[in-house]
Amino acid sequence: MWEAMDTADLLAAWRDAVRAADMAERLAREAADRLHRADTDAAAAAEVAELARKAAGAAARAAERAAGVAAEAALLAEQLRAQAPDFDDAAAGARAAEVDARAAYDQSVIEDGNEPTA
């Protein structure tokens, strides 16, 4: 069954076995390193996914708030447009009151004989 091996054959077989063991050890280390990197990458990907989920929620809330503010602004603008004629009338009235006040002042200066001082 067993064939007799001389010393050179035994030494060659031993070297092959040592090389195979070294290669197996390097492959095992590489596999462990890759597993560690994959685990780290997976954890980082999970963290990024959670941050993206939170950012999406914040963006949705901001969009809802912006839509509400825009609706309020549109309503206020409509109300202001509806009041614009009142503002125009008030401005015209203020201008007329100014003209009347100036005329009354000028008249009182003339009647009192006082010249306005500059």
PDB file of N, CA and C in Angstrom:
ATOM      1  N   MET A   1       0.799  -1.168   0.000  1.00  0.00           N
ATOM      2  CA  MET A   1       0.000   0.000   0.000  1.00  0.00           C
ATOM      3  C   MET A   1       0.855   1.250   0.000  1.00  0.00           C
ATOM      4  N   TRP A   2       1.614   1.389   1.038  1.00  0.00           N
ATOM      5  CA  TRP A   2       2.472   2.546   1.125  1.00  0.00           C
ATOM      6  C   TRP A   2       3.751   2.290   0.384  1.00  0.00           C
ATOM      7  N   GLU A   3       4.101   3.238  -0.340  1.00  0.00           N
ATOM      8  CA  GLU A   3       5.334   3.146  -1.099  1.00  0.00           C
ATOM      9  C   GLU A   3       6.430   3.819  -0.279  1.00  0.00           C
ATOM     10  N   ALA A   4       7.518   3.283  -0.228  1.00  0.00           N
ATOM     11  CA  ALA A   4       8.622   3.846   0.548  1.00  0.00           C
ATOM     12  C   ALA A   4       9.098   5.125  -0.119  1.00  0.00           C
ATOM     13  N   MET A   5       9.334   6.151   0.716  1.00  0.00           N
ATOM     14  CA  MET A   5       9.772   7.441   0.201  1.00  0.00           C
ATOM     15  C   MET A   5      11.166   7.709   0.736  1.00  0.00           C
ATOM     16  N   ASP A   6      11.954   8.287  -0.119  1.00  0.00           N
ATOM     17  CA  ASP A   6      13.285   8.628   0.376  1.00  0.00           C
ATOM     18  C   ASP A   6      13.236  10.005   1.027  1.00  0.00           C
ATOM     19  N   THR A   7      14.316  10.453   1.584  1.00  0.00           N
ATOM     20  CA  THR A   7      14.397  11.696   2.346  1.00  0.00           C
ATOM     21  C   THR A   7      14.047  12.906   1.472  1.00  0.00           C
ATOM     22  N   ALA A   8      14.498  12.941   0.251  1.00  0.00           N
ATOM     23  CA  ALA A   8      14.226  14.067  -0.650  1.00  0.00           C
ATOM     24  C   ALA A   8      12.740  14.172  -0.926  1.00  0.00           C
ATOM     25  N   ASP A   9      12.075  13.012  -1.138  1.00  0.00           N
ATOM     26  CA  ASP A   9      10.631  13.028  -1.383  1.00  0.00           C
ATOM     27  C   ASP A   9       9.875  13.511  -0.142  1.00  0.00           C
ATOM     28  N   LEU A  10      10.315  13.045   1.030  1.00  0.00           N
ATOM     29  CA  LEU A  10       9.679  13.480   2.275  1.00  0.00           C
ATOM     30  C   LEU A  10       9.869  14.993   2.488  1.00  0.00           C
ATOM     31  N   LEU A  11      11.079  15.460   2.205  1.00  0.00           N
ATOM     32  CA  LEU A  11      11.353  16.894   2.355  1.00  0.00           C
ATOM     33  C   LEU A  11      10.504  17.710   1.385  1.00  0.00           C
ATOM     34  N   ALA A  12      10.358  17.272   0.148  1.00  0.00           N
ATOM     35  CA  ALA A  12       9.532  17.970  -0.845  1.00  0.00           C
ATOM     36  C   ALA A  12       8.068  17.962  -0.413  1.00  0.00           C
ATOM     37  N   ALA A  13       7.591  16.831   0.085  1.00  0.00           N
ATOM     38  CA  ALA A  13       6.205  16.743   0.550  1.00  0.00           C
ATOM     39  C   ALA A  13       5.988  17.658   1.748  1.00  0.00           C
ATOM     40  N   TRP A  14       6.981  17.705   2.659  1.00  0.00           N
ATOM     41  CA  TRP A  14       6.878  18.575   3.827  1.00  0.00           C
ATOM     42  C   TRP A  14       6.814  20.045   3.401  1.00  0.00           C
ATOM     43  N   ARG A  15       7.666  20.433   2.443  1.00  0.00           N
ATOM     44  CA  ARG A  15       7.658  21.819   1.939  1.00  0.00           C
ATOM     45  C   ARG A  15       6.321  22.155   1.289  1.00  0.00           C
ATOM     46  N   ASP A  16       5.787  21.206   0.515  1.00  0.00           N
ATOM     47  CA  ASP A  16       4.473  21.440  -0.106  1.00  0.00           C
ATOM     48  C   ASP A  16       3.393  21.616   0.959  1.00  0.00           C
ATOM     49  N   ALA A  17       3.448  20.819   1.995  1.00  0.00           N
ATOM     50  CA  ALA A  17       2.467  20.909   3.076  1.00  0.00           C
ATOM     51  C   ALA A  17       2.591  22.247   3.799  1.00  0.00           C
ATOM     52  N   VAL A  18       3.842  22.701   4.054  1.00  0.00           N
ATOM     53  CA  VAL A  18       4.062  23.986   4.731  1.00  0.00           C
ATOM     54  C   VAL A  18       3.555  25.117   3.850  1.00  0.00           C
ATOM     55  N   ARG A  19       3.848  25.076   2.535  1.00  0.00           N
ATOM     56  CA  ARG A  19       3.366  26.114   1.617  1.00  0.00           C
ATOM     57  C   ARG A  19       1.841  26.134   1.582  1.00  0.00           C
ATOM     58  N   ALA A  20       1.241  24.946   1.561  1.00  0.00           N
ATOM     59  CA  ALA A  20      -0.224  24.861   1.552  1.00  0.00           C
ATOM     60  C   ALA A  20      -0.793  25.434   2.855  1.00  0.00           C
ATOM     61  N   ALA A  21      -0.162  25.160   3.970  1.00  0.00           N
ATOM     62  CA  ALA A  21      -0.626  25.689   5.254  1.00  0.00           C
ATOM     63  C   ALA A  21      -0.477  27.208   5.289  1.00  0.00           C
ATOM     64  N   ASP A  22       0.660  27.726   4.788  1.00  0.00           N
ATOM     65  CA  ASP A  22       0.867  29.169   4.736  1.00  0.00           C
ATOM     66  C   ASP A  22      -0.184  29.841   3.851  1.00  0.00           C
ATOM     67  N   MET A  23      -0.442  29.225   2.703  1.00  0.00           N
ATOM     68  CA  MET A  23      -1.437  29.769   1.791  1.00  0.00           C
ATOM     69  C   MET A  23      -2.814  29.742   2.445  1.00  0.00           C
ATOM     70  N   ALA A  24      -3.146  28.660   3.116  1.00  0.00           N
ATOM     71  CA  ALA A  24      -4.434  28.560   3.797  1.00  0.00           C
ATOM     72  C   ALA A  24      -4.550  29.630   4.877  1.00  0.00           C
ATOM     73  N   GLU A  25      -3.449  29.870   5.608  1.00  0.00           N
ATOM     74  CA  GLU A  25      -3.460  30.903   6.642  1.00  0.00           C
ATOM     75  C   GLU A  25      -3.648  32.287   6.036  1.00  0.00           C
ATOM     76  N   ARG A  26      -2.949  32.604   4.917  1.00  0.00           N
ATOM     77  CA  ARG A  26      -3.108  33.894   4.240  1.00  0.00           C
ATOM     78  C   ARG A  26      -4.537  34.064   3.730  1.00  0.00           C
ATOM     79  N   LEU A  27      -5.081  33.007   3.146  1.00  0.00           N
ATOM     80  CA  LEU A  27      -6.455  33.077   2.642  1.00  0.00           C
ATOM     81  C   LEU A  27      -7.452  33.285   3.789  1.00  0.00           C
ATOM     82  N   ALA A  28      -7.216  32.630   4.901  1.00  0.00           N
ATOM     83  CA  ALA A  28      -8.103  32.795   6.058  1.00  0.00           C
ATOM     84  C   ALA A  28      -8.026  34.224   6.588  1.00  0.00           C
ATOM     85  N   ARG A  29      -6.796  34.790   6.654  1.00  0.00           N
ATOM     86  CA  ARG A  29      -6.635  36.172   7.096  1.00  0.00           C
ATOM     87  C   ARG A  29      -7.327  37.135   6.139  1.00  0.00           C
ATOM     88  N   GLU A  30      -7.160  36.913   4.853  1.00  0.00           N
ATOM     89  CA  GLU A  30      -7.795  37.765   3.841  1.00  0.00           C
ATOM     90  C   GLU A  30      -9.316  37.675   3.946  1.00  0.00           C
ATOM     91  N   ALA A  31      -9.817  36.468   4.136  1.00  0.00           N
ATOM     92  CA  ALA A  31     -11.266  36.298   4.295  1.00  0.00           C
ATOM     93  C   ALA A  31     -11.763  37.028   5.539  1.00  0.00           C
ATOM     94  N   ALA A  32     -11.013  36.949   6.640  1.00  0.00           N
ATOM     95  CA  ALA A  32     -11.402  37.649   7.874  1.00  0.00           C
ATOM     96  C   ALA A  32     -11.373  39.161   7.668  1.00  0.00           C
ATOM     97  N   ASP A  33     -10.339  39.663   6.977  1.00  0.00           N
ATOM     98  CA  ASP A  33     -10.258  41.100   6.697  1.00  0.00           C
ATOM     99  C   ASP A  33     -11.434  41.563   5.843  1.00  0.00           C
ATOM    100  N   ARG A  34     -11.743  40.787   4.834  1.00  0.00           N
ATOM    101  CA  ARG A  34     -12.861  41.151   3.953  1.00  0.00           C
ATOM    102  C   ARG A  34     -14.192  41.101   4.701  1.00  0.00           C
ATOM    103  N   LEU A  35     -14.328  40.132   5.569  1.00  0.00           N
ATOM    104  CA  LEU A  35     -15.539  40.035   6.377  1.00  0.00           C
ATOM    105  C   LEU A  35     -15.662  41.264   7.276  1.00  0.00           C
ATOM    106  N   HIS A  36     -14.536  41.661   7.893  1.00  0.00           N
ATOM    107  CA  HIS A  36     -14.543  42.852   8.747  1.00  0.00           C
ATOM    108  C   HIS A  36     -14.911  44.101   7.947  1.00  0.00           C
ATOM    109  N   ARG A  37     -14.304  44.235   6.740  1.00  0.00           N
ATOM    110  CA  ARG A  37     -14.617  45.393   5.892  1.00  0.00           C
ATOM    111  C   ARG A  37     -16.079  45.375   5.477  1.00  0.00           C
ATOM    112  N   ALA A  38     -16.591  44.194   5.144  1.00  0.00           N
ATOM    113  CA  ALA A  38     -18.003  44.088   4.744  1.00  0.00           C
ATOM    114  C   ALA A  38     -18.911  44.474   5.909  1.00  0.00           C
ATOM    115  N   ASP A  39     -18.546  44.046   7.114  1.00  0.00           N
ATOM    116  CA  ASP A  39     -19.345  44.402   8.287  1.00  0.00           C
ATOM    117  C   ASP A  39     -19.301  45.905   8.522  1.00  0.00           C
ATOM    118  N   THR A  40     -18.109  46.497   8.391  1.00  0.00           N
ATOM    119  CA  THR A  40     -17.959  47.948   8.566  1.00  0.00           C
ATOM    120  C   THR A  40     -18.743  48.689   7.491  1.00  0.00           C
ATOM    121  N   ASP A  41     -18.634  48.218   6.249  1.00  0.00           N
ATOM    122  CA  ASP A  41     -19.365  48.843   5.150  1.00  0.00           C
ATOM    123  C   ASP A  41     -20.870  48.729   5.368  1.00  0.00           C
ATOM    124  N   ALA A  42     -21.331  47.588   5.843  1.00  0.00           N
ATOM    125  CA  ALA A  42     -22.760  47.396   6.084  1.00  0.00           C
ATOM    126  C   ALA A  42     -23.241  48.327   7.198  1.00  0.00           C
ATOM    127  N   ALA A  43     -22.439  48.475   8.243  1.00  0.00           N
ATOM    128  CA  ALA A  43     -22.817  49.381   9.332  1.00  0.00           C
ATOM    129  C   ALA A  43     -22.873  50.822   8.824  1.00  0.00           C
ATOM    130  N   ALA A  44     -21.882  51.207   8.012  1.00  0.00           N
ATOM    131  CA  ALA A  44     -21.877  52.564   7.461  1.00  0.00           C
ATOM    132  C   ALA A  44     -23.075  52.770   6.536  1.00  0.00           C
ATOM    133  N   ALA A  45     -23.385  51.774   5.726  1.00  0.00           N
ATOM    134  CA  ALA A  45     -24.528  51.882   4.823  1.00  0.00           C
ATOM    135  C   ALA A  45     -25.825  52.007   5.619  1.00  0.00           C
ATOM    136  N   ALA A  46     -25.941  51.270   6.705  1.00  0.00           N
ATOM    137  CA  ALA A  46     -27.138  51.362   7.545  1.00  0.00           C
ATOM    138  C   ALA A  46     -27.250  52.748   8.169  1.00  0.00           C
ATOM    139  N   GLU A  47     -26.117  53.300   8.604  1.00  0.00           N
ATOM    140  CA  GLU A  47     -26.127  54.632   9.199  1.00  0.00           C
ATOM    141  C   GLU A  47     -26.522  55.686   8.167  1.00  0.00           C
ATOM    142  N   VAL A  48     -25.969  55.569   6.962  1.00  0.00           N
ATOM    143  CA  VAL A  48     -26.311  56.511   5.894  1.00  0.00           C
ATOM    144  C   VAL A  48     -27.792  56.389   5.547  1.00  0.00           C
ATOM    145  N   ALA A  49     -28.301  55.177   5.505  1.00  0.00           N
ATOM    146  CA  ALA A  49     -29.714  54.977   5.199  1.00  0.00           C
ATOM    147  C   ALA A  49     -30.594  55.627   6.267  1.00  0.00           C
ATOM    148  N   GLU A  50     -30.219  55.505   7.534  1.00  0.00           N
ATOM    149  CA  GLU A  50     -30.983  56.129   8.618  1.00  0.00           C
ATOM    150  C   GLU A  50     -30.933  57.652   8.505  1.00  0.00           C
ATOM    151  N   LEU A  51     -29.749  58.197   8.200  1.00  0.00           N
ATOM    152  CA  LEU A  51     -29.638  59.646   8.014  1.00  0.00           C
ATOM    153  C   LEU A  51     -30.491  60.107   6.839  1.00  0.00           C
ATOM    154  N   ALA A  52     -30.491  59.353   5.763  1.00  0.00           N
ATOM    155  CA  ALA A  52     -31.305  59.708   4.594  1.00  0.00           C
ATOM    156  C   ALA A  52     -32.792  59.670   4.943  1.00  0.00           C
ATOM    157  N   ARG A  53     -33.198  58.686   5.747  1.00  0.00           N
ATOM    158  CA  ARG A  53     -34.596  58.586   6.162  1.00  0.00           C
ATOM    159  C   ARG A  53     -34.985  59.800   6.998  1.00  0.00           C
ATOM    160  N   LYS A  54     -34.110  60.192   7.920  1.00  0.00           N
ATOM    161  CA  LYS A  54     -34.389  61.368   8.756  1.00  0.00           C
ATOM    162  C   LYS A  54     -34.432  62.639   7.908  1.00  0.00           C
ATOM    163  N   ALA A  55     -33.505  62.757   6.959  1.00  0.00           N
ATOM    164  CA  ALA A  55     -33.486  63.941   6.088  1.00  0.00           C
ATOM    165  C   ALA A  55     -34.755  64.012   5.247  1.00  0.00           C
ATOM    166  N   ALA A  56     -35.216  62.874   4.774  1.00  0.00           N
ATOM    167  CA  ALA A  56     -36.449  62.852   3.985  1.00  0.00           C
ATOM    168  C   ALA A  56     -37.636  63.292   4.837  1.00  0.00           C
ATOM    169  N   GLY A  57     -37.679  62.842   6.083  1.00  0.00           N
ATOM    170  CA  GLY A  57     -38.755  63.266   6.974  1.00  0.00           C
ATOM    171  C   GLY A  57     -38.717  64.765   7.233  1.00  0.00           C
ATOM    172  N   ALA A  58     -37.513  65.283   7.473  1.00  0.00           N
ATOM    173  CA  ALA A  58     -37.371  66.721   7.706  1.00  0.00           C
ATOM    174  C   ALA A  58     -37.768  67.512   6.458  1.00  0.00           C
ATOM    175  N   ALA A  59     -37.388  67.020   5.301  1.00  0.00           N
ATOM    176  CA  ALA A  59     -37.751  67.701   4.053  1.00  0.00           C
ATOM    177  C   ALA A  59     -39.263  67.696   3.852  1.00  0.00           C
ATOM    178  N   ALA A  60     -39.893  66.585   4.181  1.00  0.00           N
ATOM    179  CA  ALA A  60     -41.353  66.508   4.048  1.00  0.00           C
ATOM    180  C   ALA A  60     -42.034  67.491   4.997  1.00  0.00           C
ATOM    181  N   ARG A  61     -41.530  67.551   6.246  1.00  0.00           N
ATOM    182  CA  ARG A  61     -42.117  68.498   7.204  1.00  0.00           C
ATOM    183  C   ARG A  61     -41.899  69.938   6.729  1.00  0.00           C
ATOM    184  N   ALA A  62     -40.708  70.228   6.213  1.00  0.00           N
ATOM    185  CA  ALA A  62     -40.420  71.579   5.719  1.00  0.00           C
ATOM    186  C   ALA A  62     -41.321  71.928   4.533  1.00  0.00           C
ATOM    187  N   ALA A  63     -41.545  70.967   3.659  1.00  0.00           N
ATOM    188  CA  ALA A  63     -42.414  71.214   2.502  1.00  0.00           C
ATOM    189  C   ALA A  63     -43.848  71.483   2.953  1.00  0.00           C
ATOM    190  N   GLU A  64     -44.321  70.721   3.942  1.00  0.00           N
ATOM    191  CA  GLU A  64     -45.671  70.947   4.462  1.00  0.00           C
ATOM    192  C   GLU A  64     -45.774  72.346   5.069  1.00  0.00           C
ATOM    193  N   ARG A  65     -44.768  72.726   5.847  1.00  0.00           N
ATOM    194  CA  ARG A  65     -44.773  74.048   6.472  1.00  0.00           C
ATOM    195  C   ARG A  65     -44.724  75.137   5.409  1.00  0.00           C
ATOM    196  N   ALA A  66     -43.881  74.953   4.397  1.00  0.00           N
ATOM    197  CA  ALA A  66     -43.782  75.948   3.324  1.00  0.00           C
ATOM    198  C   ALA A  66     -45.112  76.079   2.582  1.00  0.00           C
ATOM    199  N   ALA A  67     -45.791  74.959   2.358  1.00  0.00           N
ATOM    200  CA  ALA A  67     -47.088  75.015   1.688  1.00  0.00           C
ATOM    201  C   ALA A  67     -48.097  75.772   2.545  1.00  0.00           C
ATOM    202  N   GLY A  68     -48.062  75.539   3.863  1.00  0.00           N
ATOM    203  CA  GLY A  68     -48.964  76.261   4.760  1.00  0.00           C
ATOM    204  C   GLY A  68     -48.691  77.756   4.763  1.00  0.00           C
ATOM    205  N   VAL A  69     -47.407  78.110   4.818  1.00  0.00           N
ATOM    206  CA  VAL A  69     -47.032  79.530   4.809  1.00  0.00           C
ATOM    207  C   VAL A  69     -47.420  80.168   3.479  1.00  0.00           C
ATOM    208  N   ALA A  70     -47.226  79.450   2.392  1.00  0.00           N
ATOM    209  CA  ALA A  70     -47.596  79.985   1.077  1.00  0.00           C
ATOM    210  C   ALA A  70     -49.105  80.218   0.994  1.00  0.00           C
ATOM    211  N   ALA A  71     -49.884  79.287   1.549  1.00  0.00           N
ATOM    212  CA  ALA A  71     -51.338  79.457   1.541  1.00  0.00           C
ATOM    213  C   ALA A  71     -51.740  80.666   2.383  1.00  0.00           C
ATOM    214  N   GLU A  72     -51.102  80.846   3.541  1.00  0.00           N
ATOM    215  CA  GLU A  72     -51.390  82.012   4.378  1.00  0.00           C
ATOM    216  C   GLU A  72     -51.010  83.299   3.658  1.00  0.00           C
ATOM    217  N   ALA A  73     -49.871  83.301   2.991  1.00  0.00           N
ATOM    218  CA  ALA A  73     -49.424  84.487   2.264  1.00  0.00           C
ATOM    219  C   ALA A  73     -50.387  84.823   1.123  1.00  0.00           C
ATOM    220  N   ALA A  74     -50.861  83.792   0.430  1.00  0.00           N
ATOM    221  CA  ALA A  74     -51.808  84.029  -0.658  1.00  0.00           C
ATOM    222  C   ALA A  74     -53.107  84.619  -0.119  1.00  0.00           C
ATOM    223  N   LEU A  75     -53.576  84.107   1.009  1.00  0.00           N
ATOM    224  CA  LEU A  75     -54.801  84.627   1.621  1.00  0.00           C
ATOM    225  C   LEU A  75     -54.608  86.081   2.060  1.00  0.00           C
ATOM    226  N   LEU A  76     -53.473  86.368   2.690  1.00  0.00           N
ATOM    227  CA  LEU A  76     -53.185  87.729   3.127  1.00  0.00           C
ATOM    228  C   LEU A  76     -53.081  88.672   1.927  1.00  0.00           C
ATOM    229  N   ALA A  77     -52.440  88.223   0.874  1.00  0.00           N
ATOM    230  CA  ALA A  77     -52.310  89.050  -0.328  1.00  0.00           C
ATOM    231  C   ALA A  77     -53.683  89.352  -0.916  1.00  0.00           C
ATOM    232  N   GLU A  78     -54.550  88.352  -0.917  1.00  0.00           N
ATOM    233  CA  GLU A  78     -55.908  88.558  -1.427  1.00  0.00           C
ATOM    234  C   GLU A  78     -56.652  89.581  -0.568  1.00  0.00           C
ATOM    235  N   GLN A  79     -56.487  89.474   0.756  1.00  0.00           N
ATOM    236  CA  GLN A  79     -57.140  90.430   1.648  1.00  0.00           C
ATOM    237  C   GLN A  79     -56.587  91.836   1.433  1.00  0.00           C
ATOM    238  N   LEU A  80     -55.270  91.940   1.271  1.00  0.00           N
ATOM    239  CA  LEU A  80     -54.669  93.255   1.039  1.00  0.00           C
ATOM    240  C   LEU A  80     -55.133  93.850  -0.294  1.00  0.00           C
ATOM    241  N   ARG A  81     -55.258  92.993  -1.313  1.00  0.00           N
ATOM    242  CA  ARG A  81     -55.753  93.483  -2.610  1.00  0.00           C
ATOM    243  C   ARG A  81     -57.185  93.979  -2.477  1.00  0.00           C
ATOM    244  N   ALA A  82     -57.970  93.294  -1.658  1.00  0.00           N
ATOM    245  CA  ALA A  82     -59.358  93.713  -1.463  1.00  0.00           C
ATOM    246  C   ALA A  82     -59.424  95.054  -0.727  1.00  0.00           C
ATOM    247  N   GLN A  83     -58.434  95.331   0.131  1.00  0.00           N
ATOM    248  CA  GLN A  83     -58.417  96.580   0.893  1.00  0.00           C
ATOM    249  C   GLN A  83     -57.706  97.713   0.150  1.00  0.00           C
ATOM    250  N   ALA A  84     -57.109  97.424  -0.973  1.00  0.00           N
ATOM    251  CA  ALA A  84     -56.324  98.428  -1.698  1.00  0.00           C
ATOM    252  C   ALA A  84     -57.122  99.687  -1.994  1.00  0.00           C
ATOM    253  N   PRO A  85     -58.383  99.603  -2.424  1.00  0.00           N
ATOM    254  CA  PRO A  85     -59.139 100.844  -2.653  1.00  0.00           C
ATOM    255  C   PRO A  85     -59.251 101.679  -1.373  1.00  0.00           C
ATOM    256  N   ASP A  86     -59.414 101.026  -0.218  1.00  0.00           N
ATOM    257  CA  ASP A  86     -59.472 101.759   1.046  1.00  0.00           C
ATOM    258  C   ASP A  86     -58.163 102.486   1.307  1.00  0.00           C
ATOM    259  N   PHE A  87     -57.047 101.818   1.000  1.00  0.00           N
ATOM    260  CA  PHE A  87     -55.739 102.447   1.193  1.00  0.00           C
ATOM    261  C   PHE A  87     -55.592 103.659   0.271  1.00  0.00           C
ATOM    262  N   ASP A  88     -56.056 103.489  -0.957  1.00  0.00           N
ATOM    263  CA  ASP A  88     -55.973 104.603  -1.910  1.00  0.00           C
ATOM    264  C   ASP A  88     -56.805 105.787  -1.416  1.00  0.00           C
ATOM    265  N   ASP A  89     -58.016 105.498  -0.927  1.00  0.00           N
ATOM    266  CA  ASP A  89     -58.881 106.562  -0.409  1.00  0.00           C
ATOM    267  C   ASP A  89     -58.243 107.235   0.801  1.00  0.00           C
ATOM    268  N   ALA A  90     -57.638 106.448   1.692  1.00  0.00           N
ATOM    269  CA  ALA A  90     -56.998 106.999   2.877  1.00  0.00           C
ATOM    270  C   ALA A  90     -55.818 107.876   2.486  1.00  0.00           C
ATOM    271  N   ALA A  91     -55.036 107.434   1.499  1.00  0.00           N
ATOM    272  CA  ALA A  91     -53.897 108.234   1.046  1.00  0.00           C
ATOM    273  C   ALA A  91     -54.369 109.539   0.422  1.00  0.00           C
ATOM    274  N   ALA A  92     -55.419 109.474  -0.369  1.00  0.00           N
ATOM    275  CA  ALA A  92     -55.950 110.695  -0.985  1.00  0.00           C
ATOM    276  C   ALA A  92     -56.480 111.638   0.093  1.00  0.00           C
ATOM    277  N   GLY A  93     -57.139 111.061   1.091  1.00  0.00           N
ATOM    278  CA  GLY A  93     -57.645 111.884   2.195  1.00  0.00           C
ATOM    279  C   GLY A  93     -56.517 112.536   2.970  1.00  0.00           C
ATOM    280  N   ALA A  94     -55.434 111.810   3.184  1.00  0.00           N
ATOM    281  CA  ALA A  94     -54.288 112.368   3.900  1.00  0.00           C
ATOM    282  C   ALA A  94     -53.656 113.501   3.101  1.00  0.00           C
ATOM    283  N   ARG A  95     -53.565 113.308   1.785  1.00  0.00           N
ATOM    284  CA  ARG A  95     -53.011 114.379   0.948  1.00  0.00           C
ATOM    285  C   ARG A  95     -53.913 115.626   0.996  1.00  0.00           C
ATOM    286  N   ALA A  96     -55.211 115.420   0.944  1.00  0.00           N
ATOM    287  CA  ALA A  96     -56.153 116.551   1.011  1.00  0.00           C
ATOM    288  C   ALA A  96     -56.046 117.241   2.370  1.00  0.00           C
ATOM    289  N   ALA A  97     -55.915 116.454   3.447  1.00  0.00           N
ATOM    290  CA  ALA A  97     -55.783 117.035   4.788  1.00  0.00           C
ATOM    291  C   ALA A  97     -54.488 117.832   4.888  1.00  0.00           C
ATOM    292  N   GLU A  98     -53.449 117.353   4.251  1.00  0.00           N
ATOM    293  CA  GLU A  98     -52.181 118.078   4.263  1.00  0.00           C
ATOM    294  C   GLU A  98     -52.335 119.424   3.556  1.00  0.00           C
ATOM    295  N   VAL A  99     -52.996 119.408   2.412  1.00  0.00           N
ATOM    296  CA  VAL A  99     -53.207 120.653   1.654  1.00  0.00           C
ATOM    297  C   VAL A  99     -54.036 121.613   2.496  1.00  0.00           C
ATOM    298  N   ASP A 100     -55.101 121.099   3.126  1.00  0.00           N
ATOM    299  CA  ASP A 100     -55.963 121.953   3.960  1.00  0.00           C
ATOM    300  C   ASP A 100     -55.177 122.506   5.152  1.00  0.00           C
ATOM    301  N   ALA A 101     -54.350 121.679   5.791  1.00  0.00           N
ATOM    302  CA  ALA A 101     -53.574 122.132   6.945  1.00  0.00           C
ATOM    303  C   ALA A 101     -52.565 123.191   6.534  1.00  0.00           C
ATOM    304  N   ARG A 102     -51.941 123.004   5.396  1.00  0.00           N
ATOM    305  CA  ARG A 102     -50.983 123.989   4.906  1.00  0.00           C
ATOM    306  C   ARG A 102     -51.685 125.326   4.634  1.00  0.00           C
ATOM    307  N   ALA A 103     -52.846 125.216   4.007  1.00  0.00           N
ATOM    308  CA  ALA A 103     -53.607 126.445   3.701  1.00  0.00           C
ATOM    309  C   ALA A 103     -54.033 127.128   5.002  1.00  0.00           C
ATOM    310  N   ALA A 104     -54.475 126.346   5.983  1.00  0.00           N
ATOM    311  CA  ALA A 104     -54.897 126.941   7.257  1.00  0.00           C
ATOM    312  C   ALA A 104     -53.706 127.592   7.947  1.00  0.00           C
ATOM    313  N   TYR A 105     -52.559 126.961   7.913  1.00  0.00           N
ATOM    314  CA  TYR A 105     -51.352 127.536   8.524  1.00  0.00           C
ATOM    315  C   TYR A 105     -50.982 128.838   7.829  1.00  0.00           C
ATOM    316  N   ASP A 106     -50.933 128.754   6.508  1.00  0.00           N
ATOM    317  CA  ASP A 106     -50.578 129.959   5.752  1.00  0.00           C
ATOM    318  C   ASP A 106     -51.573 131.091   6.067  1.00  0.00           C
ATOM    319  N   GLN A 107     -52.845 130.773   6.169  1.00  0.00           N
ATOM    320  CA  GLN A 107     -53.869 131.773   6.466  1.00  0.00           C
ATOM    321  C   GLN A 107     -53.656 132.353   7.860  1.00  0.00           C
ATOM    322  N   SER A 108     -53.311 131.478   8.846  1.00  0.00           N
ATOM    323  CA  SER A 108     -53.116 131.986  10.209  1.00  0.00           C
ATOM    324  C   SER A 108     -51.882 132.873  10.281  1.00  0.00           C
ATOM    325  N   VAL A 109     -50.866 132.572   9.519  1.00  0.00           N
ATOM    326  CA  VAL A 109     -49.660 133.397   9.493  1.00  0.00           C
ATOM    327  C   VAL A 109     -49.998 134.768   8.921  1.00  0.00           C
ATOM    328  N   ILE A 110     -50.803 134.783   7.875  1.00  0.00           N
ATOM    329  CA  ILE A 110     -51.177 136.046   7.234  1.00  0.00           C
ATOM    330  C   ILE A 110     -52.054 136.866   8.184  1.00  0.00           C
ATOM    331  N   GLU A 111     -52.999 136.204   8.852  1.00  0.00           N
ATOM    332  CA  GLU A 111     -53.911 136.913   9.742  1.00  0.00           C
ATOM    333  C   GLU A 111     -53.203 137.443  10.982  1.00  0.00           C
ATOM    334  N   ASP A 112     -52.242 136.680  11.505  1.00  0.00           N
ATOM    335  CA  ASP A 112     -51.534 137.092  12.707  1.00  0.00           C
ATOM    336  C   ASP A 112     -50.390 138.057  12.372  1.00  0.00           C
ATOM    337  N   GLY A 113     -50.050 138.132  11.161  1.00  0.00           N
ATOM    338  CA  GLY A 113     -48.962 138.999  10.756  1.00  0.00           C
ATOM    339  C   GLY A 113     -47.604 138.445  11.123  1.00  0.00           C
ATOM    340  N   ASN A 114     -47.537 137.210  11.463  1.00  0.00           N
ATOM    341  CA  ASN A 114     -46.263 136.586  11.782  1.00  0.00           C
ATOM    342  C   ASN A 114     -45.702 135.883  10.562  1.00  0.00           C
ATOM    343  N   GLU A 115     -44.504 136.198  10.299  1.00  0.00           N
ATOM    344  CA  GLU A 115     -43.833 135.485   9.204  1.00  0.00           C
ATOM    345  C   GLU A 115     -43.214 134.222   9.775  1.00  0.00           C
ATOM    346  N   PRO A 116     -43.325 133.138   9.081  1.00  0.00           N
ATOM    347  CA  PRO A 116     -42.692 131.897   9.567  1.00  0.00           C
ATOM    348  C   PRO A 116     -41.193 132.058   9.577  1.00  0.00           C
ATOM    349  N   THR A 117     -40.548 131.498  10.590  1.00  0.00           N
ATOM    350  CA  THR A 117     -39.099 131.541  10.659  1.00  0.00           C
ATOM    351  C   THR A 117     -38.553 130.239  10.112  1.00  0.00           C
ATOM    352  N   ALA A 118     -37.441 130.374   9.460  1.00  0.00           N
ATOM    353  CA  ALA A 118     -36.852 129.184   8.862  1.00  0.00           C
ATOM    354  C   ALA A 118     -35.841 128.567   9.772  1.00  0.00           C
TER     355      ALA A 118
END
